[in-house]
Amino acid sequence: EEVFGPVMSVLRFSDQAEAIRIANDSDYGLAAGVWTQNLRRALDMSDALAAGTVWVNTYRAVSYLAPFGGYKASGIGRENGAEALAAYTQTKTVWLSTACEQPDPFVMR
């Protein structure tokens, strides 16, 4: 069952790779938080964590301009941002060539 918090768990880990394995060992991935003074670690962790939002040295920073939604079993689609519009659209691709070998019978001459 997905827990809505805020919830903070404190677990020991030996290195960054193990911390990522522990954090990603879940069926859910709505949001995650990283607290560090190391910018490289913040970016690496943000990239590796299977979560729709990763807050670094902050919590619950949101904007209607930024998409919000989870990974895995934490929802489908995104709220806010341009990505939210996808739920209201249907994409179609049309390929058209203006080079015709034969005259078009529907064009008046």
Protein backbone atom coordinates (compact mmCIF):
# COMPACT_ATOMS: atom_id res chain seq x y z
CA GLU A 1 0.00 0.00 0.00
CA GLU A 2 1.36 3.41 -0.91
CA VAL A 3 2.02 5.59 2.11
CA PHE A 4 1.44 9.33 1.85
CA GLY A 5 3.48 11.35 4.26
CA PRO A 6 5.66 13.04 4.79
CA VAL A 7 7.46 9.91 5.91
CA MET A 8 11.15 9.70 6.55
CA SER A 9 12.99 6.46 7.06
CA VAL A 10 16.51 6.35 8.40
CA LEU A 11 18.51 3.40 7.12
CA ARG A 12 22.19 2.62 7.09
CA PHE A 13 23.94 2.11 3.76
CA SER A 14 27.56 1.55 2.83
CA ASP A 15 27.75 3.65 -0.33
CA GLN A 16 25.70 5.67 -2.82
CA ALA A 17 24.93 2.62 -4.98
CA GLU A 18 23.44 0.77 -2.02
CA ALA A 19 21.37 3.81 -1.03
CA ILE A 20 19.91 3.90 -4.55
CA ARG A 21 19.17 0.16 -4.48
CA ILE A 22 17.36 0.51 -1.15
CA ALA A 23 15.37 3.54 -2.29
CA ASN A 24 14.36 1.94 -5.60
CA ASP A 25 13.38 -1.37 -3.98
CA SER A 26 9.73 -0.34 -3.85
CA ASP A 27 6.67 -0.72 -6.06
CA TYR A 28 6.10 3.02 -5.74
CA GLY A 29 7.93 6.12 -6.87
CA LEU A 30 5.97 9.32 -6.41
CA ALA A 31 8.72 11.44 -4.86
CA ALA A 32 12.11 11.19 -3.19
CA GLY A 33 14.39 13.45 -1.22
CA VAL A 34 18.15 13.81 -1.16
CA TRP A 35 20.04 15.83 1.44
CA THR A 36 23.65 16.52 0.55
CA GLN A 37 26.20 19.31 0.20
CA ASN A 38 27.76 17.55 -2.80
CA LEU A 39 26.27 18.84 -6.09
CA ARG A 40 27.58 15.88 -8.12
CA ARG A 41 25.94 13.46 -5.67
CA ALA A 42 22.68 15.42 -5.83
CA LEU A 43 22.58 15.17 -9.63
CA ASP A 44 23.64 11.51 -9.73
CA MET A 45 21.07 10.53 -7.11
CA SER A 46 18.31 12.53 -8.81
CA ASP A 47 19.04 10.73 -12.07
CA ALA A 48 19.21 7.26 -10.50
CA LEU A 49 16.17 7.42 -8.19
CA ALA A 50 13.01 5.90 -9.70
CA ALA A 51 10.71 8.73 -8.63
CA GLY A 52 8.66 11.27 -10.54
CA THR A 53 9.93 14.13 -8.38
CA VAL A 54 13.21 14.39 -6.51
CA TRP A 55 13.64 17.19 -4.01
CA VAL A 56 17.24 18.07 -3.16
CA ASN A 57 17.79 19.88 0.14
CA THR A 58 14.13 20.94 0.16
CA TYR A 59 10.68 19.41 0.47
CA ARG A 60 7.41 19.85 -1.43
CA ALA A 61 8.60 22.53 -3.81
CA VAL A 62 5.89 22.57 -6.52
CA SER A 63 4.72 24.75 -9.39
CA TYR A 64 1.84 24.55 -11.83
CA LEU A 65 4.49 24.88 -14.56
CA ALA A 66 6.33 21.70 -13.53
CA PRO A 67 4.85 18.25 -14.16
CA PHE A 68 4.05 16.17 -11.09
CA GLY A 69 3.40 12.43 -11.04
CA GLY A 70 4.98 9.17 -10.05
CA TYR A 71 6.85 6.22 -11.46
CA LYS A 72 5.87 2.56 -11.22
CA ALA A 73 2.64 2.04 -9.23
CA SER A 74 2.47 5.69 -8.15
CA GLY A 75 0.06 6.80 -10.83
CA ILE A 76 -0.33 7.25 -14.53
CA GLY A 77 0.37 10.50 -16.33
CA ARG A 78 1.29 13.88 -14.98
CA GLU A 79 -0.48 16.77 -13.32
CA ASN A 80 0.60 20.33 -14.18
CA GLY A 81 2.96 21.48 -16.89
CA ALA A 82 2.68 20.81 -20.61
CA GLU A 83 2.71 17.04 -19.95
CA ALA A 84 -0.70 17.29 -18.26
CA LEU A 85 -2.25 18.31 -21.59
CA ALA A 86 -1.40 14.91 -23.08
CA ALA A 87 -4.42 13.37 -21.30
CA TYR A 88 -6.69 15.69 -23.30
CA THR A 89 -5.10 15.20 -26.72
CA GLN A 90 -4.93 12.50 -29.34
CA THR A 91 -1.88 12.50 -31.58
CA LYS A 92 -2.09 11.81 -35.29
CA THR A 93 0.73 11.70 -37.82
CA VAL A 94 0.08 12.64 -41.44
CA TRP A 95 2.67 12.23 -44.18
CA LEU A 96 1.96 14.27 -47.30
CA SER A 97 3.94 14.66 -50.47
CA THR A 98 3.24 17.44 -52.94
CA ALA A 99 5.10 15.64 -55.73
CA CYS A 100 2.52 13.76 -57.82
CA GLU A 101 3.25 11.42 -60.72
CA GLN A 102 -0.31 11.65 -62.04
CA PRO A 103 -2.65 14.63 -62.18
CA ASP A 104 -5.13 14.85 -59.33
CA PRO A 105 -8.66 14.24 -60.74
CA PHE A 106 -10.17 16.55 -58.11
CA VAL A 107 -8.16 19.61 -59.11
CA MET A 108 -9.92 21.94 -61.58
CA ARG A 109 -7.82 22.89 -64.60
